[in-house]
């Protein structure tokens, strides 16, 4: 076996030796242990925080809503503000019901303000909010004032009719007393664009009226059927609600129930609102109705719930996951108290 040497200026160099192995000292072992313990502690801390959040969220199940003071005053006389913002749907109806229940059960609440900024929404959801306010609060004798924001039209105005007094801002858009139904026909998309031929089996001639996959659209008979079954009853109820709330003759309401919108001044002249003013005026009206000189004004907030962390992601996934039931929903006539002019 031949051993090679490197040569330097003064002759051959000795062969290189392997570097000595470092022995792990006490401090190295201690540092490693501390690092592992720190990682474990952090993991346990995260689990504890999640558990606490879940416990706090669960503890509010018996306390439906939290309240925040927006105007100081004596807590013995409170005015509760219930926000109705955006399109009215089942989720909003449920949220409003929780706020109404809180206000109804609080013995210190002397009046309620419905702060409305909504173009309306679903037929049933709008009626449910109206019914909740009208029944649950009227039973307590607590006056209700509607404070209209930028828009309180169609279902938004329907809900305002549950109030004893209606205050509209000078530029509030209101009215739009009427009903609208919208749905889609997808036959051309399915057959010509996607090459899919829909097949419908039914028992009962009217079972699939309207059918979003129909190649003839909506016939006059189908249109009359939907008008008589859905549109007319919804419209008649809206007219009756307004007539009862505003103390108007039915014929007069029918003259206003063309679906048109009004600005506040015209709405006041027509008798649809009581007076023009901002939110501060609505608070004063609530005090007058309750017979108090001063009051603390509070608004209700939904308590934090653990599922709120994941709700947005869930809704996004649902929006992208269109199953047969979702396609069917597109073809179901959505009868709405909604101002669609935005």
Protein backbone atom coordinates (compact mmCIF):
# COMPACT_ATOMS: atom_id res chain seq x y z
CA UNK A 1 0.00 0.00 0.00
CA UNK A 2 1.47 3.29 -1.11
CA UNK A 3 1.21 6.26 1.23
CA UNK A 4 1.35 9.69 -0.35
CA UNK A 5 2.88 12.72 1.27
CA UNK A 6 2.58 16.40 0.58
CA UNK A 7 5.86 18.26 0.24
CA UNK A 8 6.62 21.59 1.69
CA UNK A 9 9.71 23.81 1.44
CA UNK A 10 11.56 21.78 4.05
CA UNK A 11 10.49 18.30 3.06
CA UNK A 12 7.51 16.03 3.35
CA UNK A 13 4.62 17.03 5.61
CA UNK A 14 3.12 14.53 8.08
CA UNK A 15 -0.25 13.07 7.14
CA UNK A 16 -3.33 15.11 8.24
CA UNK A 17 -5.00 13.93 11.40
CA UNK A 18 -8.81 13.69 11.87
CA UNK A 19 -10.18 16.58 13.95
CA UNK A 20 -11.01 15.58 17.50
CA UNK A 21 -14.66 14.97 18.26
CA UNK A 22 -16.35 17.52 20.45
CA UNK A 23 -17.92 16.18 23.55
CA UNK A 24 -21.38 17.51 24.35
CA UNK A 25 -21.02 19.40 27.58
CA UNK A 26 -23.49 19.94 30.35
CA UNK A 27 -24.49 23.36 28.99
CA UNK A 28 -25.26 21.92 25.55
CA UNK A 29 -27.48 19.25 27.01
CA UNK A 30 -29.21 21.83 29.19
CA UNK A 31 -29.81 24.14 26.19
CA UNK A 32 -31.35 21.28 24.19
CA UNK A 33 -33.64 20.33 27.06
CA UNK A 34 -34.72 23.94 27.51
CA UNK A 35 -35.44 24.26 23.77
CA UNK A 36 -37.65 21.17 23.81
CA UNK A 37 -39.45 22.32 26.94
CA UNK A 38 -40.05 25.76 25.38
CA UNK A 39 -41.60 24.20 22.25
CA UNK A 40 -43.84 22.00 24.36
CA UNK A 41 -44.86 24.96 26.55
CA UNK A 42 -45.76 27.06 23.50
CA UNK A 43 -47.88 24.25 22.08
CA UNK A 44 -49.68 23.85 25.41
CA UNK A 45 -50.23 27.62 25.60
CA UNK A 46 -51.85 27.65 22.15
CA UNK A 47 -54.17 24.82 23.18
CA UNK A 48 -55.07 26.64 26.40
CA UNK A 49 -55.89 29.86 24.50
CA UNK A 50 -58.13 27.96 22.07
CA UNK A 51 -59.86 26.26 24.98
CA UNK A 52 -60.39 29.59 26.76
CA UNK A 53 -61.82 31.19 23.62
CA UNK A 54 -64.19 28.27 23.21
CA UNK A 55 -65.19 28.50 26.87
CA UNK A 56 -65.80 32.25 26.66
CA UNK A 57 -67.83 31.82 23.49
CA UNK A 58 -69.84 29.09 25.12
CA UNK A 59 -70.41 31.14 28.25
CA UNK A 60 -72.34 33.69 26.21
CA UNK A 61 -74.95 31.19 25.15
CA UNK A 62 -77.05 32.33 28.08
CA UNK A 63 -76.21 35.99 27.37
CA UNK A 64 -77.39 36.52 23.78
CA UNK A 65 -75.94 39.98 23.14
CA UNK A 66 -73.35 42.35 24.57
CA UNK A 67 -73.96 46.06 24.84
CA UNK A 68 -71.77 49.10 24.24
CA UNK A 69 -72.52 52.59 25.51
CA UNK A 70 -72.69 55.14 22.67
CA UNK A 71 -74.18 57.99 24.66
CA UNK A 72 -73.70 58.37 28.43
CA UNK A 73 -76.61 58.62 30.80
CA UNK A 74 -78.27 56.90 33.75
CA UNK A 75 -78.25 53.11 33.45
CA UNK A 76 -81.64 53.04 35.13
CA UNK A 77 -83.09 54.37 31.86
CA UNK A 78 -81.53 52.92 28.70
CA UNK A 79 -82.38 53.27 25.04
CA UNK A 80 -81.33 50.19 23.09
CA UNK A 81 -80.23 50.62 19.48
CA UNK A 82 -80.79 47.64 17.19
CA UNK A 83 -78.94 47.83 13.88
CA UNK A 84 -80.54 46.60 10.66
CA UNK A 85 -77.83 47.04 8.05
CA UNK A 86 -77.67 45.62 4.53
CA UNK A 87 -79.84 43.08 2.77
CA UNK A 88 -82.33 41.38 5.07
CA UNK A 89 -81.90 37.61 5.15
CA UNK A 90 -82.47 34.74 7.57
CA UNK A 91 -79.16 35.33 9.34
CA UNK A 92 -80.04 38.96 9.99
CA UNK A 93 -83.52 38.01 11.18
CA UNK A 94 -81.96 35.65 13.71
CA UNK A 95 -79.51 38.30 14.90
CA UNK A 96 -82.25 40.92 15.29
CA UNK A 97 -84.35 38.43 17.26
CA UNK A 98 -81.50 38.02 19.75
CA UNK A 99 -81.19 41.79 20.16
CA UNK A 100 -84.94 42.24 20.57
CA UNK A 101 -85.00 39.50 23.18
CA UNK A 102 -82.20 41.23 25.11
CA UNK A 103 -84.02 44.59 25.01
CA UNK A 104 -87.35 43.05 25.98
CA UNK A 105 -85.90 41.27 29.03
CA UNK A 106 -83.81 44.21 30.26
CA UNK A 107 -85.94 46.04 32.81
CA UNK A 108 -83.79 49.17 32.45
CA UNK A 109 -84.49 49.55 28.72
CA UNK A 110 -87.24 52.15 28.34
CA UNK A 111 -87.25 52.46 24.53
CA UNK A 112 -85.76 50.89 21.41
CA UNK A 113 -84.39 52.49 18.23
CA UNK A 114 -84.29 50.51 14.99
CA UNK A 115 -81.34 52.00 13.11
CA UNK A 116 -82.20 51.00 9.55
CA UNK A 117 -79.94 51.25 6.51
CA UNK A 118 -81.30 48.56 4.21
CA UNK A 119 -82.82 48.18 0.73
CA UNK A 120 -84.87 45.27 2.06
CA UNK A 121 -84.43 41.63 1.23
CA UNK A 122 -86.25 38.34 1.50
CA UNK A 123 -90.02 38.29 1.78
CA UNK A 124 -90.06 35.96 4.76
CA UNK A 125 -86.97 37.41 6.45
CA UNK A 126 -88.37 40.96 6.29
CA UNK A 127 -91.71 39.82 7.66
CA UNK A 128 -89.99 37.85 10.41
CA UNK A 129 -88.05 40.91 11.60
CA UNK A 130 -91.24 43.00 11.50
CA UNK A 131 -93.13 40.34 13.47
CA UNK A 132 -90.36 39.97 16.07
CA UNK A 133 -90.22 43.70 16.77
CA UNK A 134 -93.97 44.18 16.69
CA UNK A 135 -94.88 41.34 19.03
CA UNK A 136 -91.95 40.98 21.43
CA UNK A 137 -91.58 44.68 22.15
CA UNK A 138 -95.22 45.76 22.02
CA UNK A 139 -95.96 43.20 24.72
CA UNK A 140 -93.54 45.04 27.02
CA UNK A 141 -94.99 48.46 26.29
CA UNK A 142 -91.57 49.82 25.30
CA UNK A 143 -91.85 52.41 22.50
CA UNK A 144 -89.99 51.74 19.26
CA UNK A 145 -88.55 54.47 17.01
CA UNK A 146 -87.21 53.82 13.50
CA UNK A 147 -84.15 55.91 12.58
CA UNK A 148 -83.68 55.70 8.81
CA UNK A 149 -80.19 56.02 7.37
CA UNK A 150 -79.15 56.32 3.74
CA UNK A 151 -81.81 53.90 2.55
CA UNK A 152 -84.79 52.22 4.18
CA UNK A 153 -86.71 50.99 1.17
CA UNK A 154 -88.97 48.04 0.42
CA UNK A 155 -88.26 45.46 3.16
CA UNK A 156 -86.36 48.16 5.06
CA UNK A 157 -89.51 50.28 5.11
CA UNK A 158 -91.63 47.19 5.86
CA UNK A 159 -89.57 46.69 9.05
CA UNK A 160 -89.83 50.40 9.93
CA UNK A 161 -93.59 49.98 10.01
CA UNK A 162 -93.15 48.01 13.24
CA UNK A 163 -92.09 51.26 14.95
CA UNK A 164 -94.33 53.74 16.76
CA UNK A 165 -92.52 56.70 15.18
CA UNK A 166 -90.37 56.96 12.03
CA UNK A 167 -87.58 59.54 11.70
CA UNK A 168 -85.85 59.85 8.31
CA UNK A 169 -82.69 61.75 7.46
CA UNK A 170 -83.15 64.51 4.83
CA UNK A 171 -81.51 62.36 2.14
CA UNK A 172 -83.01 59.00 3.12
CA UNK A 173 -84.33 56.91 0.22
CA UNK A 174 -87.48 55.12 1.29
CA UNK A 175 -90.73 53.73 -0.10
CA UNK A 176 -90.42 51.13 -2.86
CA UNK A 177 -93.59 49.44 -1.62
CA UNK A 178 -93.92 46.37 -3.82
CA UNK A 179 -92.66 42.88 -4.55
CA UNK A 180 -90.06 41.58 -6.99
CA UNK A 181 -89.16 38.05 -8.09
CA UNK A 182 -86.06 37.04 -10.02
CA UNK A 183 -84.65 33.74 -11.28
CA UNK A 184 -82.62 32.38 -14.20
CA UNK A 185 -83.09 30.25 -17.29
CA UNK A 186 -80.06 28.06 -18.01
CA UNK A 187 -81.22 25.93 -20.93
CA UNK A 188 -79.07 27.63 -23.58
CA UNK A 189 -76.02 27.54 -21.31
CA UNK A 190 -76.46 23.85 -20.58
CA UNK A 191 -77.22 22.64 -24.10
CA UNK A 192 -75.28 24.96 -26.42
CA UNK A 193 -72.31 25.95 -24.28
CA UNK A 194 -71.76 22.88 -22.12
CA UNK A 195 -73.34 20.19 -24.29
CA UNK A 196 -75.52 18.96 -21.44
CA UNK A 197 -79.11 17.93 -22.03
CA UNK A 198 -81.20 18.38 -18.84
CA UNK A 199 -83.92 15.82 -18.16
CA UNK A 200 -86.91 16.51 -15.89
CA UNK A 201 -89.31 13.86 -14.65
CA UNK A 202 -92.38 15.03 -12.78
CA UNK A 203 -95.81 14.08 -11.57
CA UNK A 204 -98.10 17.08 -11.42
CA UNK A 205 -98.19 19.60 -14.28
CA UNK A 206 -97.10 22.54 -12.12
CA UNK A 207 -94.39 20.70 -10.18
CA UNK A 208 -91.50 22.33 -12.03
CA UNK A 209 -92.94 25.81 -12.62
CA UNK A 210 -90.73 27.63 -13.41
CA UNK A 211 -88.16 25.20 -14.81
CA UNK A 212 -84.74 26.84 -15.29
CA UNK A 213 -83.92 24.26 -17.97
CA UNK A 214 -87.04 24.88 -20.04
CA UNK A 215 -86.36 25.57 -23.73
CA UNK A 216 -89.46 27.75 -24.09
CA UNK A 217 -88.99 30.07 -21.12
CA UNK A 218 -91.99 31.07 -19.04
CA UNK A 219 -95.42 30.78 -20.55
CA UNK A 220 -98.26 33.18 -19.79
CA UNK A 221 -99.98 30.48 -17.78
CA UNK A 222 -96.87 29.96 -15.66
CA UNK A 223 -96.45 33.69 -15.16
CA UNK A 224 -100.04 34.05 -13.97
CA UNK A 225 -99.57 31.07 -11.68
CA UNK A 226 -96.55 32.64 -9.99
CA UNK A 227 -98.21 36.04 -9.76
CA UNK A 228 -101.34 34.62 -8.13
CA UNK A 229 -99.47 32.21 -5.85
CA UNK A 230 -96.57 34.37 -4.67
CA UNK A 231 -96.54 37.94 -5.89
CA UNK A 232 -100.11 39.05 -5.18
CA UNK A 233 -100.26 37.71 -1.59
CA UNK A 234 -96.90 39.29 -0.78
CA UNK A 235 -97.95 42.61 -2.27
CA UNK A 236 -101.30 42.60 -0.48
CA UNK A 237 -99.62 41.93 2.86
CA UNK A 238 -97.17 44.80 2.34
CA UNK A 239 -100.04 47.19 1.56
CA UNK A 240 -101.95 46.02 4.65
CA UNK A 241 -98.89 46.45 6.89
CA UNK A 242 -98.39 50.04 5.71
CA UNK A 243 -102.07 50.93 5.99
CA UNK A 244 -102.23 49.61 9.55
CA UNK A 245 -98.93 51.17 10.67
CA UNK A 246 -99.57 54.60 9.17
CA UNK A 247 -103.30 54.77 9.81
CA UNK A 248 -104.06 55.21 6.10
CA UNK A 249 -106.94 54.15 3.94
CA UNK A 250 -106.04 51.16 1.80
CA UNK A 251 -106.79 53.06 -1.40
CA UNK A 252 -104.31 55.76 -0.47
CA UNK A 253 -101.59 53.20 0.20
CA UNK A 254 -102.28 51.54 -3.16
CA UNK A 255 -101.60 54.89 -4.81
CA UNK A 256 -98.15 54.90 -3.17
CA UNK A 257 -97.45 51.19 -3.64
CA UNK A 258 -96.16 51.39 -7.19
CA UNK A 259 -92.63 50.40 -6.24
CA UNK A 260 -91.40 53.99 -6.57
CA UNK A 261 -88.96 55.50 -4.10
CA UNK A 262 -89.22 58.77 -2.20
CA UNK A 263 -86.74 61.11 -0.58
CA UNK A 264 -87.50 62.02 3.01
CA UNK A 265 -89.41 65.27 2.37
CA UNK A 266 -91.79 63.65 -0.12
CA UNK A 267 -92.16 60.60 2.10
CA UNK A 268 -93.12 62.83 5.02
CA UNK A 269 -95.64 64.68 2.88
CA UNK A 270 -97.13 61.35 1.79
CA UNK A 271 -97.40 60.22 5.41
CA UNK A 272 -94.84 57.42 5.17
CA UNK A 273 -92.57 58.96 7.83
CA UNK A 274 -93.33 61.14 10.84
CA UNK A 275 -90.52 63.66 10.72
CA UNK A 276 -87.15 64.50 9.21
CA UNK A 277 -84.05 64.46 11.37
CA UNK A 278 -80.79 62.71 12.14
CA UNK A 279 -80.04 59.97 14.63
CA UNK A 280 -79.79 62.50 17.46
CA UNK A 281 -83.39 63.47 16.81
CA UNK A 282 -84.45 59.83 16.90
CA UNK A 283 -82.88 59.59 20.37
CA UNK A 284 -84.85 62.63 21.52
CA UNK A 285 -88.06 61.15 20.11
CA UNK A 286 -87.34 57.88 21.96
CA UNK A 287 -86.94 59.82 25.22
CA UNK A 288 -90.19 61.68 24.58
CA UNK A 289 -92.04 58.45 23.86
CA UNK A 290 -90.60 56.82 26.99
CA UNK A 291 -91.31 59.86 29.16
CA UNK A 292 -87.73 60.30 30.40
CA UNK A 293 -85.56 63.42 30.41
CA UNK A 294 -82.25 61.58 30.04
CA UNK A 295 -81.14 58.08 29.19
CA UNK A 296 -78.08 56.04 28.44
CA UNK A 297 -77.97 54.98 24.78
CA UNK A 298 -76.51 51.55 24.13
CA UNK A 299 -76.10 49.41 21.06
CA UNK A 300 -75.99 45.63 20.96
CA UNK A 301 -73.09 43.62 19.64
CA UNK A 302 -72.89 39.97 18.76
CA UNK A 303 -70.47 38.22 21.15
CA UNK A 304 -67.39 36.57 19.72
CA UNK A 305 -67.93 32.97 18.74
CA UNK A 306 -65.24 30.48 17.84
CA UNK A 307 -66.90 29.58 14.55
CA UNK A 308 -66.48 33.22 13.43
CA UNK A 309 -62.80 32.43 12.89
CA UNK A 310 -63.68 29.85 10.29
CA UNK A 311 -66.98 31.20 8.96
CA UNK A 312 -65.45 33.30 6.17
CA UNK A 313 -63.43 30.41 4.80
CA UNK A 314 -66.49 28.18 4.96
CA UNK A 315 -68.61 30.67 3.03
CA UNK A 316 -65.92 31.09 0.39
CA UNK A 317 -65.72 27.33 -0.08
CA UNK A 318 -69.51 27.09 -0.30
CA UNK A 319 -69.58 29.80 -2.97
CA UNK A 320 -67.23 27.75 -5.15
CA UNK A 321 -68.90 24.41 -4.49
CA UNK A 322 -72.04 24.43 -6.62
CA UNK A 323 -73.97 21.21 -6.26
CA UNK A 324 -77.33 20.23 -7.75
CA UNK A 325 -79.20 21.90 -4.89
CA UNK A 326 -77.35 25.16 -5.56
CA UNK A 327 -78.30 25.09 -9.23
CA UNK A 328 -81.88 24.38 -8.25
CA UNK A 329 -81.80 27.39 -5.93
CA UNK A 330 -80.89 29.60 -8.90
CA UNK A 331 -84.11 28.55 -10.56
CA UNK A 332 -86.31 29.03 -7.52
CA UNK A 333 -88.19 32.33 -7.75
CA UNK A 334 -86.85 34.63 -5.05
CA UNK A 335 -89.84 36.72 -4.07
CA UNK A 336 -88.44 39.71 -2.25
CA UNK A 337 -89.26 43.01 -0.63
CA UNK A 338 -86.17 44.52 -2.21
CA UNK A 339 -85.39 47.82 -3.86
CA UNK A 340 -83.39 46.64 -6.87
CA UNK A 341 -82.55 50.09 -8.22
CA UNK A 342 -79.13 50.37 -6.59
